[in-house]
Amino acid sequence: MTDSVDCPLTLGFSPCPNDTFIFHALVHGLANEMGLTLAPPILADVETLNEWAMERRFDVTKLSFHALGHVIDDYVLLNSGSALGRGCGPLLIAKKPLDRSNRLADLRIAIPGRFTTAAMLLKMYEPACRNLVGMRFDEIMPALARGDVDAGVIIHESRFTYRKEGFVRLVDLGSWWEERSGCPIPLGGIAARRSLSNELIARIDRGIKESVRRAFADPQDPREYIRCHAQEIDEQVICNHIELYVNDFSVDLAGEGRTAIEAFLSRGREAGILPDSSLSVFFEKR
């Protein structure tokens, strides 16, 4: 159990602007009133983090809600740090609109990893899609441009640049989810090992909440850290990314956020995508 100052907490999150915005103050010792001892964080793309979560690599990790559905026995979701919202879901794009001779199920579709929320949404939207090609999120549009795939599910900064690159939207998977469920789309969250003490998990949760609040209070403070790791360096794209994915749910899930996550996991189980579990997904301070 990593509760000792001699055993720093291991932490993983993505280099995307929303995560570096959220974690900047915490990892730079600016929001550590909780007295947490952290190892240097490991930054990796979301699907790599998902795969590492399957290996139980980190004490605290960012992961997709799809991946969380597979590791609930070992990880509990924190109340702070999540990415949920409306109008921010994955998009299915292509070089041109589908005509009547093409069926979505027949297309070779790139996905940003098999355990991403994007992949799960596509499976729920069109269960007949079987020809899926996993690749890193920033490789999808180049693969589509080369003709290696017929369509691709894009996330992160690609949402803001796909039109400029000459692609068209086939389906807004986030809007489809919102219309179908009435809930915001849960994309990813921060989870901690269940083996950590309740008191330590509570301190981690409070530390992340304070880090988000500090970033909101002074958005310029984390800018250099964000630019250092961003895949897209255009300042407006970075700002749009943060505005889209960091919001009140990132500070605290509250009732609406929890309802959305429960609905997403429940429908994933009903679709046979996620395993059943009797454990609560949410951290509750005892």
C-alpha atoms as a PDB file:
ATOM      1  CA  MET A   1       0.000   0.000   0.000  1.00  0.00           C
ATOM      2  CA  THR A   2       1.499   3.351  -1.083  1.00  0.00           C
ATOM      3  CA  ASP A   3       0.752   5.387   2.062  1.00  0.00           C
ATOM      4  CA  SER A   4       4.299   6.075   3.216  1.00  0.00           C
ATOM      5  CA  VAL A   5       6.410   9.106   2.348  1.00  0.00           C
ATOM      6  CA  ASP A   6       9.044   6.516   1.441  1.00  0.00           C
ATOM      7  CA  CYS A   7       6.761   5.258  -1.335  1.00  0.00           C
ATOM      8  CA  PRO A   8       5.796   8.169  -3.635  1.00  0.00           C
ATOM      9  CA  LEU A   9       2.479   7.863  -5.420  1.00  0.00           C
ATOM     10  CA  THR A  10       2.822   6.896  -9.068  1.00  0.00           C
ATOM     11  CA  LEU A  11       0.757   9.054 -11.414  1.00  0.00           C
ATOM     12  CA  GLY A  12      -0.113   8.860 -15.108  1.00  0.00           C
ATOM     13  CA  PHE A  13      -2.035  11.290 -17.292  1.00  0.00           C
ATOM     14  CA  SER A  14      -2.059  12.418 -20.912  1.00  0.00           C
ATOM     15  CA  PRO A  15      -0.080  15.264 -22.525  1.00  0.00           C
ATOM     16  CA  CYS A  16      -3.345  16.746 -23.830  1.00  0.00           C
ATOM     17  CA  PRO A  17      -4.077  20.343 -22.758  1.00  0.00           C
ATOM     18  CA  ASN A  18      -7.020  19.411 -20.533  1.00  0.00           C
ATOM     19  CA  ASP A  19      -4.875  17.065 -18.412  1.00  0.00           C
ATOM     20  CA  THR A  20      -1.810  19.294 -18.206  1.00  0.00           C
ATOM     21  CA  PHE A  21      -4.121  22.200 -17.278  1.00  0.00           C
ATOM     22  CA  ILE A  22      -5.702  20.108 -14.507  1.00  0.00           C
ATOM     23  CA  PHE A  23      -2.497  18.625 -13.072  1.00  0.00           C
ATOM     24  CA  HIS A  24      -0.064  21.527 -13.461  1.00  0.00           C
ATOM     25  CA  ALA A  25      -0.455  22.950  -9.949  1.00  0.00           C
ATOM     26  CA  LEU A  26      -0.415  19.534  -8.274  1.00  0.00           C
ATOM     27  CA  VAL A  27       2.713  18.199  -9.964  1.00  0.00           C
ATOM     28  CA  HIS A  28       4.541  21.505  -9.472  1.00  0.00           C
ATOM     29  CA  GLY A  29       3.849  21.582  -5.741  1.00  0.00           C
ATOM     30  CA  LEU A  30       1.436  24.519  -5.976  1.00  0.00           C
ATOM     31  CA  ALA A  31      -1.639  22.639  -4.769  1.00  0.00           C
ATOM     32  CA  ASN A  32      -0.273  20.121  -2.315  1.00  0.00           C
ATOM     33  CA  GLU A  33      -1.773  21.249   0.955  1.00  0.00           C
ATOM     34  CA  MET A  34      -2.726  17.585   1.342  1.00  0.00           C
ATOM     35  CA  GLY A  35       0.936  16.627   1.865  1.00  0.00           C
ATOM     36  CA  LEU A  36       1.032  14.110  -0.981  1.00  0.00           C
ATOM     37  CA  THR A  37       4.336  12.553  -2.013  1.00  0.00           C
ATOM     38  CA  LEU A  38       4.337  12.153  -5.788  1.00  0.00           C
ATOM     39  CA  ALA A  39       6.767  10.405  -8.097  1.00  0.00           C
ATOM     40  CA  PRO A  40       7.468  12.307 -11.339  1.00  0.00           C
ATOM     41  CA  PRO A  41       4.330  11.837 -13.465  1.00  0.00           C
ATOM     42  CA  ILE A  42       4.346   9.710 -16.601  1.00  0.00           C
ATOM     43  CA  LEU A  43       2.598  11.317 -19.581  1.00  0.00           C
ATOM     44  CA  ALA A  44       1.254   9.092 -22.359  1.00  0.00           C
ATOM     45  CA  ASP A  45      -1.606   9.037 -24.838  1.00  0.00           C
ATOM     46  CA  VAL A  46      -4.950   7.877 -23.498  1.00  0.00           C
ATOM     47  CA  GLU A  47      -4.913   4.373 -24.986  1.00  0.00           C
ATOM     48  CA  THR A  48      -1.463   3.691 -23.569  1.00  0.00           C
ATOM     49  CA  LEU A  49      -2.798   4.784 -20.183  1.00  0.00           C
ATOM     50  CA  ASN A  50      -5.795   2.497 -20.664  1.00  0.00           C
ATOM     51  CA  GLU A  51      -3.533  -0.453 -21.396  1.00  0.00           C
ATOM     52  CA  TRP A  52      -1.347   0.360 -18.403  1.00  0.00           C
ATOM     53  CA  ALA A  53      -4.467   0.525 -16.224  1.00  0.00           C
ATOM     54  CA  MET A  54      -5.180  -3.057 -17.275  1.00  0.00           C
ATOM     55  CA  GLU A  55      -1.720  -3.872 -15.893  1.00  0.00           C
ATOM     56  CA  ARG A  56      -2.447  -1.885 -12.686  1.00  0.00           C
ATOM     57  CA  ARG A  57       0.711   0.150 -13.291  1.00  0.00           C
ATOM     58  CA  PHE A  58      -0.126   3.401 -11.470  1.00  0.00           C
ATOM     59  CA  ASP A  59      -1.532   4.348  -8.087  1.00  0.00           C
ATOM     60  CA  VAL A  60      -3.441   7.211  -9.717  1.00  0.00           C
ATOM     61  CA  THR A  61      -4.211   7.344 -13.434  1.00  0.00           C
ATOM     62  CA  LYS A  62      -6.211   9.057 -16.131  1.00  0.00           C
ATOM     63  CA  LEU A  63      -8.182   6.546 -18.180  1.00  0.00           C
ATOM     64  CA  SER A  64     -11.167   6.335 -20.500  1.00  0.00           C
ATOM     65  CA  PHE A  65     -14.505   5.449 -18.947  1.00  0.00           C
ATOM     66  CA  HIS A  66     -14.586   2.458 -21.293  1.00  0.00           C
ATOM     67  CA  ALA A  67     -11.326   1.219 -19.747  1.00  0.00           C
ATOM     68  CA  LEU A  68     -12.601   1.968 -16.250  1.00  0.00           C
ATOM     69  CA  GLY A  69     -15.430  -0.480 -16.856  1.00  0.00           C
ATOM     70  CA  HIS A  70     -12.805  -3.238 -17.165  1.00  0.00           C
ATOM     71  CA  VAL A  71     -10.775  -2.377 -14.038  1.00  0.00           C
ATOM     72  CA  ILE A  72     -13.438  -1.425 -11.478  1.00  0.00           C
ATOM     73  CA  ASP A  73     -12.320  -4.269  -9.212  1.00  0.00           C
ATOM     74  CA  ASP A  74      -8.954  -2.527  -8.763  1.00  0.00           C
ATOM     75  CA  TYR A  75      -9.619   1.194  -9.301  1.00  0.00           C
ATOM     76  CA  VAL A  76     -12.149   3.657  -7.915  1.00  0.00           C
ATOM     77  CA  LEU A  77     -13.141   6.862  -9.700  1.00  0.00           C
ATOM     78  CA  LEU A  78     -12.247  10.152  -8.024  1.00  0.00           C
ATOM     79  CA  ASN A  79     -14.737  13.015  -7.849  1.00  0.00           C
ATOM     80  CA  SER A  80     -12.315  15.491  -9.465  1.00  0.00           C
ATOM     81  CA  GLY A  81     -10.361  15.610 -12.717  1.00  0.00           C
ATOM     82  CA  SER A  82     -12.870  14.035 -15.106  1.00  0.00           C
ATOM     83  CA  ALA A  83     -13.743  15.063 -18.649  1.00  0.00           C
ATOM     84  CA  LEU A  84     -17.491  15.107 -19.253  1.00  0.00           C
ATOM     85  CA  GLY A  85     -19.674  17.506 -21.145  1.00  0.00           C
ATOM     86  CA  ARG A  86     -21.996  18.274 -24.002  1.00  0.00           C
ATOM     87  CA  GLY A  87     -20.897  18.917 -27.551  1.00  0.00           C
ATOM     88  CA  CYS A  88     -17.463  17.431 -26.889  1.00  0.00           C
ATOM     89  CA  GLY A  89     -17.798  13.789 -27.929  1.00  0.00           C
ATOM     90  CA  PRO A  90     -15.840  11.820 -30.554  1.00  0.00           C
ATOM     91  CA  LEU A  91     -16.563  12.400 -34.245  1.00  0.00           C
ATOM     92  CA  LEU A  92     -16.624   9.849 -37.043  1.00  0.00           C
ATOM     93  CA  ILE A  93     -15.088  11.478 -40.125  1.00  0.00           C
ATOM     94  CA  ALA A  94     -14.182  10.555 -43.697  1.00  0.00           C
ATOM     95  CA  LYS A  95     -12.910  12.134 -46.905  1.00  0.00           C
ATOM     96  CA  LYS A  96     -16.437  12.440 -48.272  1.00  0.00           C
ATOM     97  CA  PRO A  97     -20.024  11.723 -47.171  1.00  0.00           C
ATOM     98  CA  LEU A  98     -21.338   8.183 -47.443  1.00  0.00           C
ATOM     99  CA  ASP A  99     -23.464   7.464 -50.492  1.00  0.00           C
ATOM    100  CA  ARG A 100     -26.234   4.902 -50.726  1.00  0.00           C
ATOM    101  CA  SER A 101     -23.854   2.207 -51.920  1.00  0.00           C
ATOM    102  CA  ASN A 102     -21.754   2.396 -48.750  1.00  0.00           C
ATOM    103  CA  ARG A 103     -22.698   0.956 -45.367  1.00  0.00           C
ATOM    104  CA  LEU A 104     -20.935   2.067 -42.231  1.00  0.00           C
ATOM    105  CA  ALA A 105     -20.516  -1.553 -41.181  1.00  0.00           C
ATOM    106  CA  ASP A 106     -18.510  -2.269 -44.342  1.00  0.00           C
ATOM    107  CA  LEU A 107     -15.962   0.488 -43.786  1.00  0.00           C
ATOM    108  CA  ARG A 108     -12.450   0.071 -42.478  1.00  0.00           C
ATOM    109  CA  ILE A 109     -12.568   2.464 -39.508  1.00  0.00           C
ATOM    110  CA  ALA A 110      -9.647   3.788 -37.469  1.00  0.00           C
ATOM    111  CA  ILE A 111     -10.251   4.093 -33.726  1.00  0.00           C
ATOM    112  CA  PRO A 112      -7.974   5.765 -31.134  1.00  0.00           C
ATOM    113  CA  GLY A 113      -7.539   2.521 -29.186  1.00  0.00           C
ATOM    114  CA  ARG A 114      -9.796  -0.431 -28.355  1.00  0.00           C
ATOM    115  CA  PHE A 115     -10.401   0.684 -24.746  1.00  0.00           C
ATOM    116  CA  THR A 116     -11.226   4.317 -25.506  1.00  0.00           C
ATOM    117  CA  THR A 117     -14.671   5.761 -24.916  1.00  0.00           C
ATOM    118  CA  ALA A 118     -14.666   6.601 -28.641  1.00  0.00           C
ATOM    119  CA  ALA A 119     -14.391   2.905 -29.543  1.00  0.00           C
ATOM    120  CA  MET A 120     -17.193   1.966 -27.157  1.00  0.00           C
ATOM    121  CA  LEU A 121     -19.479   4.675 -28.539  1.00  0.00           C
ATOM    122  CA  LEU A 122     -18.900   3.449 -32.085  1.00  0.00           C
ATOM    123  CA  LYS A 123     -19.736  -0.121 -31.041  1.00  0.00           C
ATOM    124  CA  MET A 124     -22.941   1.042 -29.378  1.00  0.00           C
ATOM    125  CA  TYR A 125     -23.877   3.227 -32.341  1.00  0.00           C
ATOM    126  CA  GLU A 126     -23.274   0.521 -34.950  1.00  0.00           C
ATOM    127  CA  PRO A 127     -22.659  -2.937 -33.453  1.00  0.00           C
ATOM    128  CA  ALA A 128     -22.137  -4.347 -36.953  1.00  0.00           C
ATOM    129  CA  CYS A 129     -18.854  -2.423 -37.357  1.00  0.00           C
ATOM    130  CA  ARG A 130     -16.178  -5.094 -37.181  1.00  0.00           C
ATOM    131  CA  ASN A 131     -13.334  -3.833 -39.355  1.00  0.00           C
ATOM    132  CA  LEU A 132     -11.754  -1.571 -36.748  1.00  0.00           C
ATOM    133  CA  VAL A 133      -8.122  -0.487 -36.827  1.00  0.00           C
ATOM    134  CA  GLY A 134      -6.564   0.745 -33.592  1.00  0.00           C
ATOM    135  CA  MET A 135      -3.981   3.513 -33.782  1.00  0.00           C
ATOM    136  CA  ARG A 136      -2.820   6.509 -31.772  1.00  0.00           C
ATOM    137  CA  PHE A 137      -5.301   9.379 -31.958  1.00  0.00           C
ATOM    138  CA  ASP A 138      -2.905  11.707 -33.803  1.00  0.00           C
ATOM    139  CA  GLU A 139      -2.240   9.081 -36.505  1.00  0.00           C
ATOM    140  CA  ILE A 140      -5.880   8.770 -37.578  1.00  0.00           C
ATOM    141  CA  MET A 141      -6.200  11.765 -39.921  1.00  0.00           C
ATOM    142  CA  PRO A 142      -2.883  11.041 -41.694  1.00  0.00           C
ATOM    143  CA  ALA A 143      -3.984   7.407 -42.196  1.00  0.00           C
ATOM    144  CA  LEU A 144      -7.309   8.610 -43.563  1.00  0.00           C
ATOM    145  CA  ALA A 145      -5.574  11.055 -45.905  1.00  0.00           C
ATOM    146  CA  ARG A 146      -3.368   8.241 -47.265  1.00  0.00           C
ATOM    147  CA  GLY A 147      -6.376   5.997 -47.844  1.00  0.00           C
ATOM    148  CA  ASP A 148      -5.226   3.385 -45.327  1.00  0.00           C
ATOM    149  CA  VAL A 149      -8.710   3.500 -43.777  1.00  0.00           C
ATOM    150  CA  ASP A 150     -12.130   4.595 -45.009  1.00  0.00           C
ATOM    151  CA  ALA A 151     -13.166   6.538 -41.918  1.00  0.00           C
ATOM    152  CA  GLY A 152     -11.840   7.433 -38.487  1.00  0.00           C
ATOM    153  CA  VAL A 153     -13.090   8.276 -35.021  1.00  0.00           C
ATOM    154  CA  ILE A 154     -11.293  11.418 -33.856  1.00  0.00           C
ATOM    155  CA  ILE A 155     -10.829  12.884 -30.378  1.00  0.00           C
ATOM    156  CA  HIS A 156      -8.853  15.647 -28.662  1.00  0.00           C
ATOM    157  CA  GLU A 157      -7.409  18.438 -30.810  1.00  0.00           C
ATOM    158  CA  SER A 158      -8.455  16.725 -34.048  1.00  0.00           C
ATOM    159  CA  ARG A 159     -12.015  17.938 -33.417  1.00  0.00           C
ATOM    160  CA  PHE A 160     -10.821  21.483 -34.133  1.00  0.00           C
ATOM    161  CA  THR A 161      -8.697  20.778 -37.211  1.00  0.00           C
ATOM    162  CA  TYR A 162     -10.433  18.049 -39.266  1.00  0.00           C
ATOM    163  CA  ARG A 163     -12.346  20.470 -41.518  1.00  0.00           C
ATOM    164  CA  LYS A 164      -9.158  22.397 -42.277  1.00  0.00           C
ATOM    165  CA  GLU A 165      -7.595  19.074 -43.302  1.00  0.00           C
ATOM    166  CA  GLY A 166     -10.405  18.485 -45.818  1.00  0.00           C
ATOM    167  CA  PHE A 167     -12.493  15.870 -43.995  1.00  0.00           C
ATOM    168  CA  VAL A 168     -16.244  15.712 -43.409  1.00  0.00           C
ATOM    169  CA  ARG A 169     -18.187  14.545 -40.385  1.00  0.00           C
ATOM    170  CA  LEU A 170     -20.249  11.395 -40.796  1.00  0.00           C
ATOM    171  CA  VAL A 171     -21.530  11.041 -37.222  1.00  0.00           C
ATOM    172  CA  ASP A 172     -21.215  13.065 -34.038  1.00  0.00           C
ATOM    173  CA  LEU A 173     -21.062  10.156 -31.598  1.00  0.00           C
ATOM    174  CA  GLY A 174     -21.240  12.457 -28.587  1.00  0.00           C
ATOM    175  CA  SER A 175     -24.438  14.126 -29.792  1.00  0.00           C
ATOM    176  CA  TRP A 176     -25.894  10.688 -30.540  1.00  0.00           C
ATOM    177  CA  TRP A 177     -25.177   9.644 -26.948  1.00  0.00           C
ATOM    178  CA  GLU A 178     -26.669  12.842 -25.533  1.00  0.00           C
ATOM    179  CA  GLU A 179     -29.869  12.420 -27.557  1.00  0.00           C
ATOM    180  CA  ARG A 180     -30.139   8.738 -26.676  1.00  0.00           C
ATOM    181  CA  SER A 181     -29.416   9.053 -22.953  1.00  0.00           C
ATOM    182  CA  GLY A 182     -30.249  12.654 -22.067  1.00  0.00           C
ATOM    183  CA  CYS A 183     -26.871  12.794 -20.289  1.00  0.00           C
ATOM    184  CA  PRO A 184     -23.580  14.554 -20.992  1.00  0.00           C
ATOM    185  CA  ILE A 185     -20.955  12.297 -22.526  1.00  0.00           C
ATOM    186  CA  PRO A 186     -18.429  10.828 -20.043  1.00  0.00           C
ATOM    187  CA  LEU A 187     -15.045  10.698 -21.766  1.00  0.00           C
ATOM    188  CA  GLY A 188     -12.360  10.035 -19.166  1.00  0.00           C
ATOM    189  CA  GLY A 189     -11.669  10.275 -15.473  1.00  0.00           C
ATOM    190  CA  ILE A 190      -9.033   9.963 -12.777  1.00  0.00           C
ATOM    191  CA  ALA A 191      -8.973   6.733 -10.805  1.00  0.00           C
ATOM    192  CA  ALA A 192      -7.019   5.573  -7.742  1.00  0.00           C
ATOM    193  CA  ARG A 193      -6.123   2.081  -6.607  1.00  0.00           C
ATOM    194  CA  ARG A 194      -8.684   0.637  -4.227  1.00  0.00           C
ATOM    195  CA  SER A 195      -5.791  -0.795  -2.218  1.00  0.00           C
ATOM    196  CA  LEU A 196      -4.819   2.710  -1.069  1.00  0.00           C
ATOM    197  CA  SER A 197      -6.242   3.809   2.255  1.00  0.00           C
ATOM    198  CA  ASN A 198      -9.518   5.709   2.254  1.00  0.00           C
ATOM    199  CA  GLU A 199      -7.789   8.655   3.918  1.00  0.00           C
ATOM    200  CA  LEU A 200      -5.072   8.800   1.245  1.00  0.00           C
ATOM    201  CA  ILE A 201      -7.568   8.574  -1.625  1.00  0.00           C
ATOM    202  CA  ALA A 202      -9.524  11.441  -0.057  1.00  0.00           C
ATOM    203  CA  ARG A 203      -6.341  13.552   0.067  1.00  0.00           C
ATOM    204  CA  ILE A 204      -5.547  12.748  -3.570  1.00  0.00           C
ATOM    205  CA  ASP A 205      -9.078  13.742  -4.574  1.00  0.00           C
ATOM    206  CA  ARG A 206      -8.849  17.036  -2.690  1.00  0.00           C
ATOM    207  CA  GLY A 207      -5.414  17.723  -4.150  1.00  0.00           C
ATOM    208  CA  ILE A 208      -6.670  17.327  -7.726  1.00  0.00           C
ATOM    209  CA  LYS A 209      -9.706  19.494  -6.996  1.00  0.00           C
ATOM    210  CA  GLU A 210      -7.461  22.251  -5.655  1.00  0.00           C
ATOM    211  CA  SER A 211      -5.183  21.915  -8.699  1.00  0.00           C
ATOM    212  CA  VAL A 212      -8.151  22.414 -11.060  1.00  0.00           C
ATOM    213  CA  ARG A 213      -9.362  25.399  -9.076  1.00  0.00           C
ATOM    214  CA  ARG A 214      -5.934  27.032  -9.197  1.00  0.00           C
ATOM    215  CA  ALA A 215      -5.774  26.553 -12.967  1.00  0.00           C
ATOM    216  CA  PHE A 216      -9.184  28.196 -13.370  1.00  0.00           C
ATOM    217  CA  ALA A 217      -8.156  31.054 -11.062  1.00  0.00           C
ATOM    218  CA  ASP A 218      -4.963  31.757 -13.056  1.00  0.00           C
ATOM    219  CA  PRO A 219      -5.199  30.155 -16.544  1.00  0.00           C
ATOM    220  CA  GLN A 220      -1.909  31.704 -17.647  1.00  0.00           C
ATOM    221  CA  ASP A 221       0.133  29.963 -14.959  1.00  0.00           C
ATOM    222  CA  PRO A 222       0.025  26.476 -16.558  1.00  0.00           C
ATOM    223  CA  ARG A 223       0.381  27.755 -20.156  1.00  0.00           C
ATOM    224  CA  GLU A 224       4.058  26.938 -20.639  1.00  0.00           C
ATOM    225  CA  TYR A 225       3.586  23.439 -19.214  1.00  0.00           C
ATOM    226  CA  ILE A 226       0.597  22.920 -21.516  1.00  0.00           C
ATOM    227  CA  ARG A 227       2.426  24.135 -24.643  1.00  0.00           C
ATOM    228  CA  CYS A 228       5.445  22.002 -23.793  1.00  0.00           C
ATOM    229  CA  HIS A 229       3.369  18.825 -24.076  1.00  0.00           C
ATOM    230  CA  ALA A 230       0.600  19.720 -26.557  1.00  0.00           C
ATOM    231  CA  GLN A 231       0.379  17.828 -29.832  1.00  0.00           C
ATOM    232  CA  GLU A 232      -1.199  20.879 -31.514  1.00  0.00           C
ATOM    233  CA  ILE A 233       0.690  24.090 -30.701  1.00  0.00           C
ATOM    234  CA  ASP A 234      -1.783  26.621 -32.128  1.00  0.00           C
ATOM    235  CA  GLU A 235      -2.758  28.795 -29.171  1.00  0.00           C
ATOM    236  CA  GLN A 236      -6.415  29.045 -30.156  1.00  0.00           C
ATOM    237  CA  VAL A 237      -6.698  25.272 -30.581  1.00  0.00           C
ATOM    238  CA  ILE A 238      -5.186  24.809 -27.114  1.00  0.00           C
ATOM    239  CA  CYS A 239      -7.645  27.313 -25.614  1.00  0.00           C
ATOM    240  CA  ASN A 240     -10.593  25.670 -27.380  1.00  0.00           C
ATOM    241  CA  HIS A 241      -9.456  22.261 -26.161  1.00  0.00           C
ATOM    242  CA  ILE A 242      -9.334  23.360 -22.519  1.00  0.00           C
ATOM    243  CA  GLU A 243     -12.662  25.203 -22.733  1.00  0.00           C
ATOM    244  CA  LEU A 244     -14.327  22.125 -24.228  1.00  0.00           C
ATOM    245  CA  TYR A 245     -12.981  19.449 -21.899  1.00  0.00           C
ATOM    246  CA  VAL A 246     -12.403  21.204 -18.556  1.00  0.00           C
ATOM    247  CA  ASN A 247     -15.522  22.437 -16.786  1.00  0.00           C
ATOM    248  CA  ASP A 248     -17.491  22.161 -13.547  1.00  0.00           C
ATOM    249  CA  PHE A 249     -17.502  18.359 -13.856  1.00  0.00           C
ATOM    250  CA  SER A 250     -13.696  18.492 -13.686  1.00  0.00           C
ATOM    251  CA  VAL A 251     -13.947  20.148 -10.277  1.00  0.00           C
ATOM    252  CA  ASP A 252     -16.630  17.803  -8.962  1.00  0.00           C
ATOM    253  CA  LEU A 253     -18.774  15.225 -10.751  1.00  0.00           C
ATOM    254  CA  ALA A 254     -21.832  16.042  -8.622  1.00  0.00           C
ATOM    255  CA  GLY A 255     -25.132  14.286  -9.282  1.00  0.00           C
ATOM    256  CA  GLU A 256     -25.407  14.888 -13.021  1.00  0.00           C
ATOM    257  CA  GLY A 257     -21.896  13.644 -13.696  1.00  0.00           C
ATOM    258  CA  ARG A 258     -22.378  10.508 -11.650  1.00  0.00           C
ATOM    259  CA  THR A 259     -25.691   9.775 -13.361  1.00  0.00           C
ATOM    260  CA  ALA A 260     -24.042  10.108 -16.779  1.00  0.00           C
ATOM    261  CA  ILE A 261     -21.197   7.753 -15.859  1.00  0.00           C
ATOM    262  CA  GLU A 262     -23.546   5.169 -14.363  1.00  0.00           C
ATOM    263  CA  ALA A 263     -25.681   5.297 -17.516  1.00  0.00           C
ATOM    264  CA  PHE A 264     -22.642   4.890 -19.769  1.00  0.00           C
ATOM    265  CA  LEU A 265     -21.282   1.896 -17.868  1.00  0.00           C
ATOM    266  CA  SER A 266     -24.724   0.307 -17.540  1.00  0.00           C
ATOM    267  CA  ARG A 267     -25.392   0.537 -21.273  1.00  0.00           C
ATOM    268  CA  GLY A 268     -21.930  -0.798 -22.003  1.00  0.00           C
ATOM    269  CA  ARG A 269     -22.723  -3.859 -19.882  1.00  0.00           C
ATOM    270  CA  GLU A 270     -26.093  -4.289 -21.546  1.00  0.00           C
ATOM    271  CA  ALA A 271     -24.355  -4.225 -24.935  1.00  0.00           C
ATOM    272  CA  GLY A 272     -21.914  -6.923 -23.814  1.00  0.00           C
ATOM    273  CA  ILE A 273     -18.942  -4.571 -24.135  1.00  0.00           C
ATOM    274  CA  LEU A 274     -18.173  -4.324 -20.407  1.00  0.00           C
ATOM    275  CA  PRO A 275     -18.065  -7.053 -17.740  1.00  0.00           C
ATOM    276  CA  ASP A 276     -20.580  -7.039 -14.899  1.00  0.00           C
ATOM    277  CA  SER A 277     -19.495  -5.665 -11.520  1.00  0.00           C
ATOM    278  CA  SER A 278     -21.278  -5.206  -8.207  1.00  0.00           C
ATOM    279  CA  LEU A 279     -18.783  -2.584  -6.963  1.00  0.00           C
ATOM    280  CA  SER A 280     -19.571   1.119  -6.899  1.00  0.00           C
ATOM    281  CA  VAL A 281     -17.450   2.995  -9.396  1.00  0.00           C
ATOM    282  CA  PHE A 282     -17.258   6.142  -7.240  1.00  0.00           C
ATOM    283  CA  PHE A 283     -15.010   6.995  -4.338  1.00  0.00           C
ATOM    284  CA  GLU A 284     -16.969   7.666  -1.143  1.00  0.00           C
ATOM    285  CA  LYS A 285     -15.119   9.005   1.885  1.00  0.00           C
ATOM    286  CA  ARG A 286     -15.927   6.770   4.830  1.00  0.00           C
END
